[in-house]
Amino acid sequence: MRLITRERYIGRGLGMWAFWLHRLTGLAIIFYLLLHVLVISSIVGGSANFDAAMKTLKAPIFVLLEMGLLATIIIHGLNGIRIVLFDVGIGVKHQKEIFIAMMALGVLPFLVGFAIAWPHIFG
């Protein structure tokens, strides 16, 4: 019988988090795209409908939700790059470290996006 050390358990746990994070962010992006098509289709009702929709979407809560979308896209994209690297045989033995590095790399574009959105959220 093999003992599961704390390090082995944490490594497996992180891999499972990466797996589920990738699936959930993918579903969230699909959900967003469906909503996006719905909002854009409001132009069919004329420019007044579209202008009203755009005015609503400029509210701070929607800008904050866009920051969630930005985080979702960054996480999904960087995790996807990590998976492609493994598919071609790069870094297979260092999956935990690469996941942590990719997520740390994603902090910078998120902070830049948040800095741009800050005035639109908090005035």
Protein backbone atom coordinates (compact mmCIF):
# COMPACT_ATOMS: atom_id res chain seq x y z
CA MET A 1 0.00 0.00 0.00
CA ARG A 2 1.33 3.43 -0.97
CA LEU A 3 1.14 6.27 1.45
CA ILE A 4 -0.06 9.57 0.10
CA THR A 5 2.18 12.25 1.50
CA ARG A 6 0.99 15.80 1.95
CA GLU A 7 3.07 16.94 -1.03
CA ARG A 8 1.59 14.26 -3.28
CA TYR A 9 -1.93 15.13 -2.15
CA ILE A 10 -1.45 18.88 -2.70
CA GLY A 11 0.00 18.20 -6.15
CA ARG A 12 -3.00 16.08 -7.09
CA GLY A 13 -5.36 18.60 -5.60
CA LEU A 14 -3.84 21.40 -7.64
CA GLY A 15 -4.15 19.36 -10.83
CA MET A 16 -7.80 18.72 -10.10
CA TRP A 17 -8.35 22.44 -9.45
CA ALA A 18 -6.70 23.24 -12.78
CA PHE A 19 -8.91 20.66 -14.51
CA TRP A 20 -12.16 22.00 -13.06
CA LEU A 21 -11.09 25.62 -13.41
CA HIS A 22 -10.53 25.09 -17.11
CA ARG A 23 -13.93 23.46 -17.59
CA LEU A 24 -15.83 26.04 -15.54
CA THR A 25 -14.16 29.02 -17.20
CA GLY A 26 -14.96 27.49 -20.59
CA LEU A 27 -18.63 27.20 -19.63
CA ALA A 28 -18.63 30.76 -18.30
CA ILE A 29 -17.21 32.03 -21.60
CA ILE A 30 -19.91 30.16 -23.55
CA PHE A 31 -22.58 31.67 -21.28
CA TYR A 32 -21.11 35.14 -21.82
CA LEU A 33 -21.04 34.68 -25.59
CA LEU A 34 -24.74 33.75 -25.58
CA LEU A 35 -25.55 36.86 -23.56
CA HIS A 36 -23.37 38.94 -25.86
CA VAL A 37 -25.27 37.75 -28.93
CA LEU A 38 -28.55 38.52 -27.17
CA VAL A 39 -27.48 42.09 -26.36
CA ILE A 40 -26.06 42.72 -29.82
CA SER A 41 -29.27 41.40 -31.36
CA SER A 42 -31.12 44.24 -29.61
CA ILE A 43 -30.05 46.40 -32.55
CA VAL A 44 -32.80 44.67 -34.55
CA GLY A 45 -35.32 46.70 -32.51
CA GLY A 46 -33.72 49.92 -33.70
CA SER A 47 -31.05 52.25 -32.49
CA ALA A 48 -33.14 53.38 -29.50
CA ASN A 49 -33.20 49.82 -28.10
CA PHE A 50 -29.49 49.42 -28.68
CA ASP A 51 -28.68 52.78 -27.10
CA ALA A 52 -30.77 51.85 -24.04
CA ALA A 53 -28.94 48.53 -23.75
CA MET A 54 -25.55 50.26 -24.01
CA LYS A 55 -26.54 52.81 -21.37
CA THR A 56 -27.48 50.00 -19.00
CA LEU A 57 -24.25 48.13 -19.68
CA LYS A 58 -22.15 51.18 -18.76
CA ALA A 59 -23.33 50.88 -15.15
CA PRO A 60 -20.51 50.16 -12.68
CA ILE A 61 -21.86 46.70 -11.83
CA PHE A 62 -21.54 45.62 -15.47
CA VAL A 63 -18.01 47.02 -15.71
CA LEU A 64 -17.18 45.00 -12.59
CA LEU A 65 -18.69 41.92 -14.22
CA GLU A 66 -16.47 42.59 -17.23
CA MET A 67 -13.49 42.36 -14.88
CA GLY A 68 -14.77 38.90 -13.98
CA LEU A 69 -14.92 38.12 -17.69
CA LEU A 70 -11.35 39.35 -18.11
CA ALA A 71 -10.17 37.10 -15.28
CA THR A 72 -12.09 34.17 -16.75
CA ILE A 73 -10.55 34.63 -20.20
CA ILE A 74 -7.03 35.03 -18.79
CA ILE A 75 -7.34 31.91 -16.62
CA HIS A 76 -8.86 29.84 -19.42
CA GLY A 77 -6.34 31.02 -22.00
CA LEU A 78 -3.23 30.52 -19.89
CA ASN A 79 -4.44 27.15 -18.63
CA GLY A 80 -5.12 26.19 -22.26
CA ILE A 81 -1.56 27.12 -23.21
CA ARG A 82 -0.34 24.95 -20.32
CA ILE A 83 -2.40 22.01 -21.60
CA VAL A 84 -1.07 22.44 -25.15
CA LEU A 85 2.49 22.42 -23.79
CA PHE A 86 1.78 19.10 -22.10
CA ASP A 87 0.21 17.70 -25.27
CA VAL A 88 3.45 18.31 -27.16
CA GLY A 89 5.49 16.86 -24.30
CA ILE A 90 6.85 20.04 -22.71
CA GLY A 91 6.86 20.33 -18.93
CA VAL A 92 4.84 17.20 -18.18
CA LYS A 93 6.82 16.51 -15.01
CA HIS A 94 6.41 20.09 -13.76
CA GLN A 95 2.68 20.60 -14.14
CA LYS A 96 2.18 22.14 -10.70
CA GLU A 97 4.95 24.69 -11.17
CA ILE A 98 3.80 25.60 -14.66
CA PHE A 99 0.20 26.09 -13.46
CA ILE A 100 1.35 28.39 -10.67
CA ALA A 101 3.61 30.31 -13.08
CA MET A 102 0.80 30.73 -15.63
CA MET A 103 -1.63 31.99 -13.02
CA ALA A 104 1.01 34.39 -11.65
CA LEU A 105 1.64 35.59 -15.21
CA GLY A 106 -2.09 36.26 -15.57
CA VAL A 107 -2.11 38.71 -12.67
CA LEU A 108 -0.34 41.41 -14.69
CA PRO A 109 -2.86 41.73 -17.56
CA PHE A 110 -5.70 41.55 -15.05
CA LEU A 111 -4.22 44.42 -13.02
CA VAL A 112 -3.75 46.49 -16.18
CA GLY A 113 -7.37 45.87 -17.18
CA PHE A 114 -8.60 46.66 -13.69
CA ALA A 115 -6.61 49.90 -13.64
CA ILE A 116 -8.28 50.92 -16.91
CA ALA A 117 -11.74 49.98 -15.59
CA TRP A 118 -11.27 51.59 -12.15
CA PRO A 119 -12.62 55.05 -13.09
CA HIS A 120 -15.66 53.47 -14.73
CA ILE A 121 -16.44 51.43 -11.63
CA PHE A 122 -15.75 53.91 -8.85
CA GLY A 123 -16.10 57.21 -10.71
